Amino acid sequence: MQRQLECQAGKLMSDDPEATHERAAVQHMMRRLDGFARGVGLDEAAARGIVEKVVADMLMRTDEERVIEARTRMIEASA
């Protein structure tokens, strides 16, 4: 029964194209900003939190605009 529920939950999660796109956007930004985040002294968890918030706040913006905003927030968080 537990396995069946897990499969159903996984299917529902993967059926949501918006959530899938958001997760992909977060992963893409994390790859682009990993070195920058480490350079300003942020650990992965802090950087991921910033990136997730930027993606959620700026859904209709370009990737470049979101990267600029994430860098700005990372600098502010490191200060």
C-alpha atoms as a PDB file:
ATOM      1  CA  MET A   1       0.000   0.000   0.000  1.00  0.00           C
ATOM      2  CA  GLN A   2       2.802   2.431   0.930  1.00  0.00           C
ATOM      3  CA  ARG A   3       4.587   1.702  -2.358  1.00  0.00           C
ATOM      4  CA  GLN A   4       1.391   2.360  -4.316  1.00  0.00           C
ATOM      5  CA  LEU A   5       0.940   5.736  -2.601  1.00  0.00           C
ATOM      6  CA  GLU A   6       4.569   6.664  -3.293  1.00  0.00           C
ATOM      7  CA  CYS A   7       4.132   5.797  -6.975  1.00  0.00           C
ATOM      8  CA  GLN A   8       0.956   7.842  -7.190  1.00  0.00           C
ATOM      9  CA  ALA A   9       2.596  10.811  -5.463  1.00  0.00           C
ATOM     10  CA  GLY A  10       5.586  10.566  -7.796  1.00  0.00           C
ATOM     11  CA  LYS A  11       3.313  10.389 -10.836  1.00  0.00           C
ATOM     12  CA  LEU A  12       1.364  13.441  -9.725  1.00  0.00           C
ATOM     13  CA  MET A  13       4.536  15.357  -9.083  1.00  0.00           C
ATOM     14  CA  SER A  14       6.002  14.500 -12.480  1.00  0.00           C
ATOM     15  CA  ASP A  15       2.726  15.341 -14.241  1.00  0.00           C
ATOM     16  CA  ASP A  16       2.955  18.995 -13.176  1.00  0.00           C
ATOM     17  CA  PRO A  17       4.877  20.686 -15.995  1.00  0.00           C
ATOM     18  CA  GLU A  18       5.174  23.981 -14.103  1.00  0.00           C
ATOM     19  CA  ALA A  19       6.819  22.293 -11.108  1.00  0.00           C
ATOM     20  CA  THR A  20       9.102  20.330 -13.427  1.00  0.00           C
ATOM     21  CA  HIS A  21      10.124  23.525 -15.217  1.00  0.00           C
ATOM     22  CA  GLU A  22      10.761  25.298 -11.907  1.00  0.00           C
ATOM     23  CA  ARG A  23      12.961  22.450 -10.631  1.00  0.00           C
ATOM     24  CA  ALA A  24      14.904  22.506 -13.904  1.00  0.00           C
ATOM     25  CA  ALA A  25      15.348  26.282 -13.657  1.00  0.00           C
ATOM     26  CA  VAL A  26      16.674  25.954 -10.096  1.00  0.00           C
ATOM     27  CA  GLN A  27      19.138  23.222 -11.118  1.00  0.00           C
ATOM     28  CA  HIS A  28      20.346  25.235 -14.112  1.00  0.00           C
ATOM     29  CA  MET A  29      20.905  28.336 -11.991  1.00  0.00           C
ATOM     30  CA  MET A  30      22.659  26.326  -9.279  1.00  0.00           C
ATOM     31  CA  ARG A  31      25.125  25.021 -11.871  1.00  0.00           C
ATOM     32  CA  ARG A  32      25.765  28.532 -13.178  1.00  0.00           C
ATOM     33  CA  LEU A  33      26.116  30.137  -9.752  1.00  0.00           C
ATOM     34  CA  ASP A  34      27.924  27.449  -7.749  1.00  0.00           C
ATOM     35  CA  GLY A  35      31.377  28.992  -8.059  1.00  0.00           C
ATOM     36  CA  PHE A  36      30.058  32.490  -7.469  1.00  0.00           C
ATOM     37  CA  ALA A  37      28.215  31.423  -4.305  1.00  0.00           C
ATOM     38  CA  ARG A  38      31.306  29.691  -2.938  1.00  0.00           C
ATOM     39  CA  GLY A  39      33.369  32.738  -3.825  1.00  0.00           C
ATOM     40  CA  VAL A  40      31.217  34.998  -1.637  1.00  0.00           C
ATOM     41  CA  GLY A  41      31.255  32.440   1.180  1.00  0.00           C
ATOM     42  CA  LEU A  42      27.800  30.869   0.913  1.00  0.00           C
ATOM     43  CA  ASP A  43      27.238  27.170   1.407  1.00  0.00           C
ATOM     44  CA  GLU A  44      25.093  25.157  -0.983  1.00  0.00           C
ATOM     45  CA  ALA A  45      21.981  25.273   1.219  1.00  0.00           C
ATOM     46  CA  ALA A  46      22.059  29.067   1.470  1.00  0.00           C
ATOM     47  CA  ALA A  47      22.681  29.440  -2.259  1.00  0.00           C
ATOM     48  CA  ARG A  48      19.865  27.015  -3.108  1.00  0.00           C
ATOM     49  CA  GLY A  49      17.453  28.907  -0.849  1.00  0.00           C
ATOM     50  CA  ILE A  50      18.271  32.151  -2.638  1.00  0.00           C
ATOM     51  CA  VAL A  51      17.979  30.574  -6.092  1.00  0.00           C
ATOM     52  CA  GLU A  52      14.643  28.912  -5.262  1.00  0.00           C
ATOM     53  CA  LYS A  53      13.249  32.223  -4.017  1.00  0.00           C
ATOM     54  CA  VAL A  54      14.472  34.098  -7.105  1.00  0.00           C
ATOM     55  CA  VAL A  55      12.941  31.513  -9.453  1.00  0.00           C
ATOM     56  CA  ALA A  56       9.627  31.659  -7.572  1.00  0.00           C
ATOM     57  CA  ASP A  57       9.619  35.477  -7.500  1.00  0.00           C
ATOM     58  CA  MET A  58      10.649  35.979 -11.128  1.00  0.00           C
ATOM     59  CA  LEU A  59       8.784  33.328 -13.116  1.00  0.00           C
ATOM     60  CA  MET A  60       8.231  35.515 -16.169  1.00  0.00           C
ATOM     61  CA  ARG A  61      11.788  36.905 -16.367  1.00  0.00           C
ATOM     62  CA  THR A  62      14.670  35.709 -18.502  1.00  0.00           C
ATOM     63  CA  ASP A  63      17.348  33.396 -17.142  1.00  0.00           C
ATOM     64  CA  GLU A  64      19.871  36.210 -17.299  1.00  0.00           C
ATOM     65  CA  GLU A  65      17.653  38.544 -15.246  1.00  0.00           C
ATOM     66  CA  ARG A  66      17.196  35.822 -12.634  1.00  0.00           C
ATOM     67  CA  VAL A  67      20.943  35.121 -12.478  1.00  0.00           C
ATOM     68  CA  ILE A  68      21.670  38.826 -11.956  1.00  0.00           C
ATOM     69  CA  GLU A  69      19.093  38.993  -9.157  1.00  0.00           C
ATOM     70  CA  ALA A  70      20.416  35.824  -7.526  1.00  0.00           C
ATOM     71  CA  ARG A  71      23.973  37.203  -7.577  1.00  0.00           C
ATOM     72  CA  THR A  72      22.774  40.444  -6.002  1.00  0.00           C
ATOM     73  CA  ARG A  73      20.960  38.558  -3.245  1.00  0.00           C
ATOM     74  CA  MET A  74      23.971  36.321  -2.644  1.00  0.00           C
ATOM     75  CA  ILE A  75      26.222  39.348  -2.220  1.00  0.00           C
ATOM     76  CA  GLU A  76      23.721  40.865   0.222  1.00  0.00           C
ATOM     77  CA  ALA A  77      23.479  37.591   2.153  1.00  0.00           C
ATOM     78  CA  SER A  78      27.240  37.323   2.449  1.00  0.00           C
ATOM     79  CA  ALA A  79      27.703  40.850   3.796  1.00  0.00           C
END
